Amino acid sequence: MAEKIQAIRGMNDILPDESHQWEFLEHTVRTWLADYGYRNIRMPIVEDTRLFVRSIGEATDIVEKEMYTFTDSLNGDSLTLRPEGTASCLRAVAEHNLLYNTTQRLWYTGPMFRHERPQKGRYRQFHQIGVEALGFNGPDVDAELILMTADLWQRLGLAPYLSLQINTLGSSAERAEHRQALIAYLEQHKDALDEDGQRRLYTNPLRVLDSKTPSMQAICDNAPRLIDFLGEASRRHYDDWRAMLQAVGIAYVENPRLVRGLDYYNLSVFEWVTTELGAQGTVCGGGRYDGLIEQLGSKPAPAVGLAMGVERLMLLLQDKGLLPAAPAPDVYLVNQGAGTGCYALTLAQALRAAGLKVIQHCGEASFKSQFKKADASGARVAVVVGDNELANGQVVVKPLRGDGEQVVVERTAMLAAVTALINR
């Protein structure tokens, strides 16, 4: 027997016993986004590598260590499996001129790819739901995104397990001034920085403040704060954003060390976090990225968005018992005997036409074996066809759950008998 080929580590199959739970989340999300006027956009999984280098930043962990990049054997182009969705979405918006004299509320979902060590809730192929509001100056749309996600947590039953952290990153000029002060400060503590801190000191010093190394916490706590470098416009945006969150009753914690992992953010940044998933506590994050679309060759336009990790949401929903049971058919159609298969096909289609979910047994098997499968399917009712039923134009309608009596009825009375048992 040939050797089995297994899935790549960190790239997981989603099997039928759990895929219905993903469908539940996806349906909830589609309904939620439609309620707020967001429209779906679908982008390719593979993009020009330059897109991510230019947008995410060369000094980020994603570009330096995590991207799946390869050379196209046909033309030598450098291509990358998308590690996140915002850059791809903005590339599509710029390429198709979707912001010409208008604004856009867009969303997408699908797989992303990062080459990192797989762990609970963090995989090499993972799935995100992304939401982008383009062409809005805010801070009202920034607040809307927070209000939207709070609404989603309520719909999913997750509100008690998630809390909101916010910060502001100011403008690029303010960050540059803060960056100089931060580097000067960190240089004084260079010997105490961990390996990542040493590496990021001159390339991405803001991320040093995001370190989880215990020995560095005091250094990070006493570092120069970006908020102290904000000008009037940036401070007003932050103050107005916070005031709107307070006005709609959204609780939040200000976290001056919240920076996010991508270079394109400015002004508002936020994360929804949980203590229920161990170290992988961020379920949803985002912020404003007003300069990104200009970096991608389009006219300047304000933008703000978020992304949530589907795997982490699923883990949290599963842990709290908030996922639905597997759907069951209404009817299992049992048949045995020459010619009963064709007869059963027409019966099954008639029941489906009436809006019922029906599994018809296919293949040779005894009545006993078929009834075991019917019971295991979770169906409420079995419709049974044998030689006698075929000859007389009848069916047997048998309850598999709850009370009720087995009856033999004419084919024309099948639907009424089935629905009577289902509705008991």
Protein backbone atom coordinates (compact mmCIF):
# COMPACT_ATOMS: atom_id res chain seq x y z
CA MET A 1 0.00 0.00 0.00
CA ALA A 2 1.31 3.45 -0.91
CA GLU A 3 2.53 5.77 1.81
CA LYS A 4 -0.08 8.23 3.04
CA ILE A 5 0.55 11.89 2.26
CA GLN A 6 -0.36 14.11 5.20
CA ALA A 7 -1.27 17.79 5.41
CA ILE A 8 1.58 20.25 5.93
CA ARG A 9 2.20 21.00 9.60
CA GLY A 10 0.20 24.02 10.67
CA MET A 11 -2.18 23.76 7.69
CA ASN A 12 -5.23 21.94 8.97
CA ASP A 13 -8.21 20.15 7.48
CA ILE A 14 -11.63 21.27 8.68
CA LEU A 15 -13.67 18.08 8.81
CA PRO A 16 -17.46 17.68 8.44
CA ASP A 17 -17.98 17.23 12.19
CA GLU A 18 -16.72 20.78 12.77
CA SER A 19 -17.30 22.58 9.45
CA HIS A 20 -20.94 23.24 10.36
CA GLN A 21 -19.61 25.30 13.28
CA TRP A 22 -17.56 27.40 10.87
CA GLU A 23 -20.66 27.82 8.72
CA PHE A 24 -22.56 29.06 11.78
CA LEU A 25 -19.90 31.73 12.44
CA GLU A 26 -19.70 32.70 8.77
CA HIS A 27 -23.49 33.06 8.52
CA THR A 28 -23.58 35.20 11.67
CA VAL A 29 -20.78 37.40 10.33
CA ARG A 30 -22.41 37.86 6.90
CA THR A 31 -25.68 38.92 8.50
CA TRP A 32 -23.89 41.24 10.94
CA LEU A 33 -21.89 43.00 8.19
CA ALA A 34 -24.92 43.39 5.95
CA ASP A 35 -26.72 45.12 8.82
CA TYR A 36 -23.98 47.80 8.81
CA GLY A 37 -23.84 48.26 5.04
CA TYR A 38 -20.57 46.42 4.33
CA ARG A 39 -20.13 44.66 0.98
CA ASN A 40 -18.01 41.62 0.20
CA ILE A 41 -14.79 41.78 -1.83
CA ARG A 42 -12.70 38.73 -2.81
CA MET A 43 -8.98 38.99 -3.59
CA PRO A 44 -6.41 36.45 -4.85
CA ILE A 45 -4.44 34.39 -2.35
CA VAL A 46 -1.16 35.03 -4.23
CA GLU A 47 0.14 38.58 -4.71
CA ASP A 48 3.27 40.37 -5.92
CA THR A 49 5.78 40.24 -3.04
CA ARG A 50 6.39 43.98 -3.35
CA LEU A 51 2.84 44.63 -2.17
CA PHE A 52 3.56 43.30 1.31
CA VAL A 53 7.11 44.63 1.57
CA ARG A 54 5.88 48.11 0.73
CA SER A 55 2.76 48.08 2.90
CA ILE A 56 3.60 45.93 5.94
CA GLY A 57 7.20 47.15 6.25
CA GLU A 58 10.57 45.50 5.61
CA ALA A 59 11.50 45.54 9.31
CA THR A 60 8.41 43.68 10.51
CA ASP A 61 8.50 40.06 11.65
CA ILE A 62 6.02 39.17 8.90
CA VAL A 63 8.24 40.34 6.05
CA GLU A 64 11.55 39.35 7.67
CA LYS A 65 10.64 35.85 8.83
CA GLU A 66 7.09 34.70 8.14
CA MET A 67 6.07 35.18 4.50
CA TYR A 68 5.70 32.26 2.12
CA THR A 69 7.57 33.73 -0.87
CA PHE A 70 8.57 31.92 -4.05
CA THR A 71 9.75 32.64 -7.58
CA ASP A 72 7.29 32.13 -10.41
CA SER A 73 8.91 29.51 -12.64
CA LEU A 74 7.27 30.98 -15.75
CA ASN A 75 8.50 34.58 -15.58
CA GLY A 76 10.77 34.89 -12.54
CA ASP A 77 8.42 37.18 -10.58
CA SER A 78 8.59 37.08 -6.79
CA LEU A 79 5.19 36.00 -5.47
CA THR A 80 3.87 35.65 -1.91
CA LEU A 81 0.95 33.86 -0.29
CA ARG A 82 -0.92 36.70 1.41
CA PRO A 83 0.00 37.01 5.12
CA GLU A 84 -2.85 39.46 5.80
CA GLY A 85 -5.78 40.96 3.93
CA THR A 86 -5.64 44.75 4.20
CA ALA A 87 -2.81 45.23 1.70
CA SER A 88 -4.55 42.97 -0.83
CA CYS A 89 -7.85 44.79 -0.35
CA LEU A 90 -6.24 48.21 -0.81
CA ARG A 91 -4.37 46.96 -3.87
CA ALA A 92 -7.70 45.91 -5.41
CA VAL A 93 -9.33 49.22 -4.47
CA ALA A 94 -6.48 51.18 -6.04
CA GLU A 95 -6.27 48.99 -9.14
CA HIS A 96 -10.00 49.24 -9.87
CA ASN A 97 -10.39 52.88 -8.76
CA LEU A 98 -13.13 51.98 -6.25
CA LEU A 99 -12.72 55.25 -4.32
CA TYR A 100 -13.44 57.54 -7.29
CA ASN A 101 -15.86 60.16 -5.89
CA THR A 102 -17.18 57.74 -3.29
CA THR A 103 -16.45 55.85 -0.08
CA GLN A 104 -16.40 52.12 0.48
CA ARG A 105 -17.37 49.78 3.30
CA LEU A 106 -15.85 46.39 2.42
CA TRP A 107 -15.30 43.01 4.04
CA TYR A 108 -13.58 39.76 3.10
CA THR A 109 -12.75 36.41 4.60
CA GLY A 110 -10.40 33.59 3.71
CA PRO A 111 -7.06 31.91 4.39
CA MET A 112 -3.84 33.80 5.20
CA PHE A 113 -0.34 32.30 5.42
CA ARG A 114 2.57 32.89 7.79
CA HIS A 115 5.56 30.61 8.32
CA GLU A 116 5.74 30.43 12.09
CA ARG A 117 5.74 27.77 14.78
CA PRO A 118 2.23 26.30 14.96
CA GLN A 119 0.54 26.49 18.35
CA LYS A 120 -2.98 26.62 19.73
CA GLY A 121 -4.96 29.24 17.80
CA ARG A 122 -1.94 30.17 15.67
CA TYR A 123 -1.31 28.24 12.46
CA ARG A 124 0.63 28.54 9.22
CA GLN A 125 -2.59 28.62 7.26
CA PHE A 126 -5.14 30.55 9.28
CA HIS A 127 -8.35 32.36 8.47
CA GLN A 128 -9.33 35.97 8.98
CA ILE A 129 -12.41 38.11 8.65
CA GLY A 130 -11.39 41.59 7.54
CA VAL A 131 -13.46 44.80 7.57
CA GLU A 132 -12.29 48.01 5.86
CA ALA A 133 -13.95 51.45 5.87
CA LEU A 134 -12.33 53.58 3.15
CA GLY A 135 -12.62 57.29 2.48
CA PHE A 136 -13.86 58.28 5.97
CA ASN A 137 -11.86 60.73 8.07
CA GLY A 138 -13.35 59.67 11.40
CA PRO A 139 -13.20 59.41 14.31
CA ASP A 140 -16.89 58.50 14.00
CA VAL A 141 -16.16 55.55 11.70
CA ASP A 142 -13.42 54.42 14.10
CA ALA A 143 -16.05 54.35 16.83
CA GLU A 144 -18.50 52.56 14.52
CA LEU A 145 -16.04 49.71 14.03
CA ILE A 146 -15.73 49.30 17.80
CA LEU A 147 -19.51 49.44 18.22
CA MET A 148 -19.92 46.90 15.41
CA THR A 149 -17.56 44.39 16.98
CA ALA A 150 -19.19 44.83 20.39
CA ASP A 151 -22.49 44.02 18.67
CA LEU A 152 -20.97 40.88 17.10
CA TRP A 153 -19.73 39.67 20.49
CA GLN A 154 -23.28 40.06 21.81
CA ARG A 155 -24.72 38.08 18.90
CA LEU A 156 -22.19 35.29 19.45
CA GLY A 157 -22.51 35.28 23.25
CA LEU A 158 -18.84 36.27 23.69
CA ALA A 159 -19.27 39.72 25.24
CA PRO A 160 -18.46 38.59 28.83
CA TYR A 161 -15.11 37.14 27.73
CA LEU A 162 -13.66 40.02 25.68
CA SER A 163 -12.30 43.42 26.66
CA LEU A 164 -11.19 46.36 24.54
CA GLN A 165 -7.76 48.00 24.59
CA ILE A 166 -7.09 51.22 22.67
CA ASN A 167 -4.20 53.54 21.88
CA THR A 168 -3.17 56.19 19.39
CA LEU A 169 -0.08 56.15 17.19
CA GLY A 170 -0.39 59.76 16.04
CA SER A 171 0.92 60.91 12.66
CA SER A 172 4.04 59.75 10.86
CA ALA A 173 5.86 62.98 11.81
CA GLU A 174 4.93 62.55 15.47
CA ARG A 175 6.03 58.93 15.41
CA ALA A 176 9.35 59.95 13.86
CA GLU A 177 10.01 62.43 16.69
CA HIS A 178 8.99 59.85 19.27
CA ARG A 179 11.12 57.23 17.52
CA GLN A 180 14.28 59.29 18.00
CA ALA A 181 13.54 59.75 21.69
CA LEU A 182 12.68 56.07 22.08
CA ILE A 183 15.90 54.88 20.41
CA ALA A 184 17.96 57.20 22.60
CA TYR A 185 16.22 55.82 25.69
CA LEU A 186 16.54 52.15 24.67
CA GLU A 187 20.23 52.61 23.85
CA GLN A 188 20.76 53.36 27.52
CA HIS A 189 19.32 49.90 28.31
CA LYS A 190 20.71 48.03 25.32
CA ASP A 191 22.40 45.30 27.35
CA ALA A 192 19.10 44.47 29.08
CA LEU A 193 17.11 44.03 25.86
CA ASP A 194 16.19 40.52 24.74
CA GLU A 195 17.16 39.17 21.32
CA ASP A 196 14.07 40.61 19.58
CA GLY A 197 14.59 43.95 21.32
CA GLN A 198 18.21 44.13 20.15
CA ARG A 199 17.12 43.30 16.60
CA ARG A 200 14.30 45.85 16.54
CA LEU A 201 16.10 48.67 18.32
CA TYR A 202 16.92 50.61 15.16
CA THR A 203 14.52 49.07 12.66
CA ASN A 204 11.20 49.04 14.57
CA PRO A 205 11.68 50.38 18.11
CA LEU A 206 7.95 50.73 18.76
CA ARG A 207 7.65 46.95 18.67
CA VAL A 208 10.23 46.71 21.47
CA LEU A 209 7.52 48.14 23.74
CA ASP A 210 5.29 45.21 22.80
CA SER A 211 7.73 42.71 24.34
CA LYS A 212 6.33 40.02 26.65
CA THR A 213 9.74 39.29 28.23
CA PRO A 214 9.29 39.76 32.01
CA SER A 215 12.74 41.30 32.56
CA MET A 216 11.97 44.06 30.06
CA GLN A 217 8.65 45.22 31.49
CA ALA A 218 10.12 47.97 33.69
CA ILE A 219 12.17 49.28 30.76
CA CYS A 220 9.07 49.36 28.55
CA ASP A 221 6.91 50.95 31.23
CA ASN A 222 9.34 53.84 31.70
CA ALA A 223 9.99 54.46 27.99
CA PRO A 224 8.96 57.76 26.38
CA ARG A 225 5.25 57.67 25.56
CA LEU A 226 4.05 58.43 22.06
CA ILE A 227 1.01 60.24 23.44
CA ASP A 228 3.32 62.91 24.84
CA PHE A 229 4.49 63.71 21.31
CA LEU A 230 1.03 64.18 19.79
CA GLY A 231 0.11 67.42 18.09
CA GLU A 232 -3.27 69.14 18.43
CA ALA A 233 -4.99 67.34 15.53
CA SER A 234 -3.91 63.85 16.63
CA ARG A 235 -4.84 64.51 20.24
CA ARG A 236 -8.26 65.85 19.20
CA HIS A 237 -8.90 62.74 17.08
CA TYR A 238 -8.03 60.51 20.03
CA ASP A 239 -10.11 62.54 22.49
CA ASP A 240 -13.13 62.56 20.15
CA TRP A 241 -12.82 58.82 19.56
CA ARG A 242 -12.77 58.09 23.27
CA ALA A 243 -15.71 60.42 23.86
CA MET A 244 -17.77 58.57 21.24
CA LEU A 245 -16.96 55.20 22.79
CA GLN A 246 -18.04 56.52 26.17
CA ALA A 247 -21.23 57.98 24.69
CA VAL A 248 -22.32 54.57 23.37
CA GLY A 249 -21.34 52.77 26.55
CA ILE A 250 -18.27 50.87 25.29
CA ALA A 251 -15.82 50.14 28.10
CA TYR A 252 -12.14 50.27 27.20
CA VAL A 253 -8.66 50.25 28.70
CA GLU A 254 -6.01 52.64 27.39
CA ASN A 255 -2.82 50.70 26.64
CA PRO A 256 0.05 53.06 25.65
CA ARG A 257 2.15 50.03 24.62
CA LEU A 258 -0.37 48.81 22.07
CA VAL A 259 1.29 49.33 18.69
CA ARG A 260 0.08 46.46 16.40
CA GLY A 261 2.56 44.59 14.23
CA LEU A 262 2.29 46.41 10.90
CA ASP A 263 4.00 49.62 9.82
CA TYR A 264 1.02 51.18 8.08
CA TYR A 265 -1.04 52.10 11.17
CA ASN A 266 -1.56 55.69 12.36
CA LEU A 267 -3.84 57.38 14.91
CA SER A 268 -6.41 54.88 16.27
CA VAL A 269 -5.34 51.33 17.11
CA PHE A 270 -7.28 48.78 19.13
CA GLU A 271 -7.47 45.14 20.15
CA TRP A 272 -10.21 42.96 21.58
CA VAL A 273 -8.48 40.56 23.96
CA THR A 274 -9.43 37.62 26.15
CA THR A 275 -7.82 35.83 29.07
CA GLU A 276 -9.50 32.55 28.10
CA LEU A 277 -7.03 31.42 25.41
CA GLY A 278 -3.69 31.59 27.18
CA ALA A 279 -0.92 33.49 25.43
CA GLN A 280 -2.93 33.94 22.22
CA GLY A 281 -5.22 36.51 23.75
CA THR A 282 -5.93 38.85 20.84
CA VAL A 283 -9.10 37.86 18.98
CA CYS A 284 -9.63 41.00 16.90
CA GLY A 285 -7.46 44.03 16.18
CA GLY A 286 -7.18 46.97 13.86
CA GLY A 287 -6.90 50.69 13.50
CA ARG A 288 -6.45 53.56 11.10
CA TYR A 289 -4.03 53.45 8.13
CA ASP A 290 -4.57 56.71 6.26
CA GLY A 291 -1.32 56.60 4.27
CA LEU A 292 -1.44 53.05 2.95
CA ILE A 293 -3.36 53.47 -0.30
CA GLU A 294 -1.00 56.27 -1.36
CA GLN A 295 1.94 53.91 -0.79
CA LEU A 296 0.26 51.55 -3.25
CA GLY A 297 0.12 54.15 -6.03
CA SER A 298 -3.34 55.66 -5.58
CA LYS A 299 -4.53 59.09 -4.46
CA PRO A 300 -4.36 59.67 -0.69
CA ALA A 301 -7.47 58.54 1.18
CA PRO A 302 -8.30 57.94 4.84
CA ALA A 303 -8.93 54.36 5.89
CA VAL A 304 -9.61 52.29 8.98
CA GLY A 305 -10.20 48.58 9.43
CA LEU A 306 -9.98 45.47 11.54
CA ALA A 307 -9.25 41.77 11.27
CA MET A 308 -10.35 38.92 13.49
CA GLY A 309 -8.86 35.46 13.68
CA VAL A 310 -11.43 32.79 12.89
CA GLU A 311 -9.52 29.97 14.61
CA ARG A 312 -9.27 31.96 17.83
CA LEU A 313 -12.94 32.88 17.70
CA MET A 314 -13.79 29.22 17.16
CA LEU A 315 -11.64 28.17 20.13
CA LEU A 316 -13.38 30.69 22.36
CA LEU A 317 -16.86 29.75 21.14
CA GLN A 318 -16.06 26.08 21.65
CA ASP A 319 -14.62 26.63 25.12
CA LYS A 320 -17.77 28.46 26.22
CA GLY A 321 -20.18 25.95 24.69
CA LEU A 322 -21.60 28.49 22.24
CA LEU A 323 -21.39 26.46 19.04
CA PRO A 324 -24.44 24.69 17.62
CA ALA A 325 -24.87 20.94 17.41
CA ALA A 326 -24.44 19.29 14.03
CA PRO A 327 -27.54 19.76 11.85
CA ALA A 328 -29.72 16.69 11.42
CA PRO A 329 -31.96 15.76 8.48
CA ASP A 330 -35.72 15.77 8.93
CA VAL A 331 -36.19 12.47 7.12
CA TYR A 332 -34.10 9.37 6.44
CA LEU A 333 -35.47 7.39 3.50
CA VAL A 334 -34.97 3.63 3.91
CA ASN A 335 -35.46 1.40 0.88
CA GLN A 336 -34.82 -2.23 -0.03
CA GLY A 337 -35.88 -4.35 -2.98
CA ALA A 338 -35.75 -4.31 -6.77
CA GLY A 339 -36.95 -0.99 -8.14
CA THR A 340 -37.37 0.69 -4.74
CA GLY A 341 -34.34 2.89 -5.35
CA CYS A 342 -36.03 4.78 -8.19
CA TYR A 343 -39.27 5.03 -6.22
CA ALA A 344 -37.32 6.37 -3.22
CA LEU A 345 -35.62 8.99 -5.41
CA THR A 346 -38.97 10.49 -6.40
CA LEU A 347 -40.21 10.42 -2.80
CA ALA A 348 -37.09 12.14 -1.53
CA GLN A 349 -37.37 14.90 -4.12
CA ALA A 350 -41.03 15.47 -3.24
CA LEU A 351 -40.12 15.89 0.42
CA ARG A 352 -37.24 18.24 -0.41
CA ALA A 353 -39.54 20.30 -2.61
CA ALA A 354 -41.68 20.82 0.49
CA GLY A 355 -38.68 22.25 2.35
CA LEU A 356 -37.57 19.18 4.27
CA LYS A 357 -33.99 17.96 4.63
CA VAL A 358 -33.78 14.37 3.45
CA ILE A 359 -31.07 11.70 3.32
CA GLN A 360 -31.86 8.79 1.04
CA HIS A 361 -30.03 5.55 1.65
CA CYS A 362 -28.01 4.50 -1.38
CA GLY A 363 -26.52 1.08 -2.03
CA GLU A 364 -27.40 -2.42 -0.91
CA ALA A 365 -27.98 -2.92 2.83
CA SER A 366 -30.40 -4.72 5.11
CA PHE A 367 -33.30 -2.91 6.75
CA LYS A 368 -31.55 -3.38 10.11
CA SER A 369 -28.35 -1.74 8.86
CA GLN A 370 -30.27 1.13 7.26
CA PHE A 371 -32.25 1.81 10.43
CA LYS A 372 -29.01 2.01 12.41
CA LYS A 373 -27.79 4.68 10.00
CA ALA A 374 -31.15 6.44 10.12
CA ASP A 375 -31.00 6.61 13.90
CA ALA A 376 -27.37 7.79 13.87
CA SER A 377 -28.22 10.56 11.41
CA GLY A 378 -30.44 12.29 13.98
CA ALA A 379 -33.46 12.34 11.65
CA ARG A 380 -36.86 12.75 13.27
CA VAL A 381 -38.68 10.45 10.85
CA ALA A 382 -37.92 7.47 8.62
CA VAL A 383 -39.82 6.90 5.39
CA VAL A 384 -39.59 3.21 4.50
CA VAL A 385 -40.11 1.62 1.10
CA GLY A 386 -40.01 -2.12 0.41
CA ASP A 387 -41.46 -4.44 -2.22
CA ASN A 388 -45.02 -4.17 -0.84
CA GLU A 389 -44.95 -0.35 -0.68
CA LEU A 390 -43.59 -0.17 -4.23
CA ALA A 391 -46.31 -2.49 -5.53
CA ASN A 392 -49.14 -0.64 -3.72
CA GLY A 393 -47.98 2.97 -4.17
CA GLN A 394 -47.57 3.38 -0.43
CA VAL A 395 -44.90 4.30 2.15
CA VAL A 396 -44.27 3.51 5.79
CA VAL A 397 -43.76 6.60 7.97
CA LYS A 398 -41.96 5.72 11.20
CA PRO A 399 -41.03 8.09 14.08
CA LEU A 400 -37.35 7.92 15.12
CA ARG A 401 -37.56 10.53 17.90
CA GLY A 402 -40.28 11.22 20.45
CA ASP A 403 -43.81 9.86 20.51
CA GLY A 404 -45.94 8.78 17.60
CA GLU A 405 -47.11 5.65 15.82
CA GLN A 406 -45.76 4.04 12.67
CA VAL A 407 -48.30 4.34 9.86
CA VAL A 408 -48.71 3.04 6.31
CA VAL A 409 -50.11 5.71 4.00
CA GLU A 410 -50.70 6.31 0.33
CA ARG A 411 -47.90 8.12 -1.47
CA THR A 412 -50.11 11.21 -1.79
CA ALA A 413 -50.50 11.35 1.99
CA MET A 414 -46.78 10.95 2.75
CA LEU A 415 -46.00 14.64 3.28
CA ALA A 416 -48.89 15.17 5.71
CA ALA A 417 -47.89 12.09 7.74
CA VAL A 418 -44.24 13.14 7.87
CA THR A 419 -44.93 16.74 8.88
CA ALA A 420 -47.39 15.60 11.54
CA LEU A 421 -44.66 13.56 13.22
CA ILE A 422 -41.99 16.26 12.84
CA ASN A 423 -44.27 18.90 14.38
CA ARG A 424 -45.36 16.81 17.39
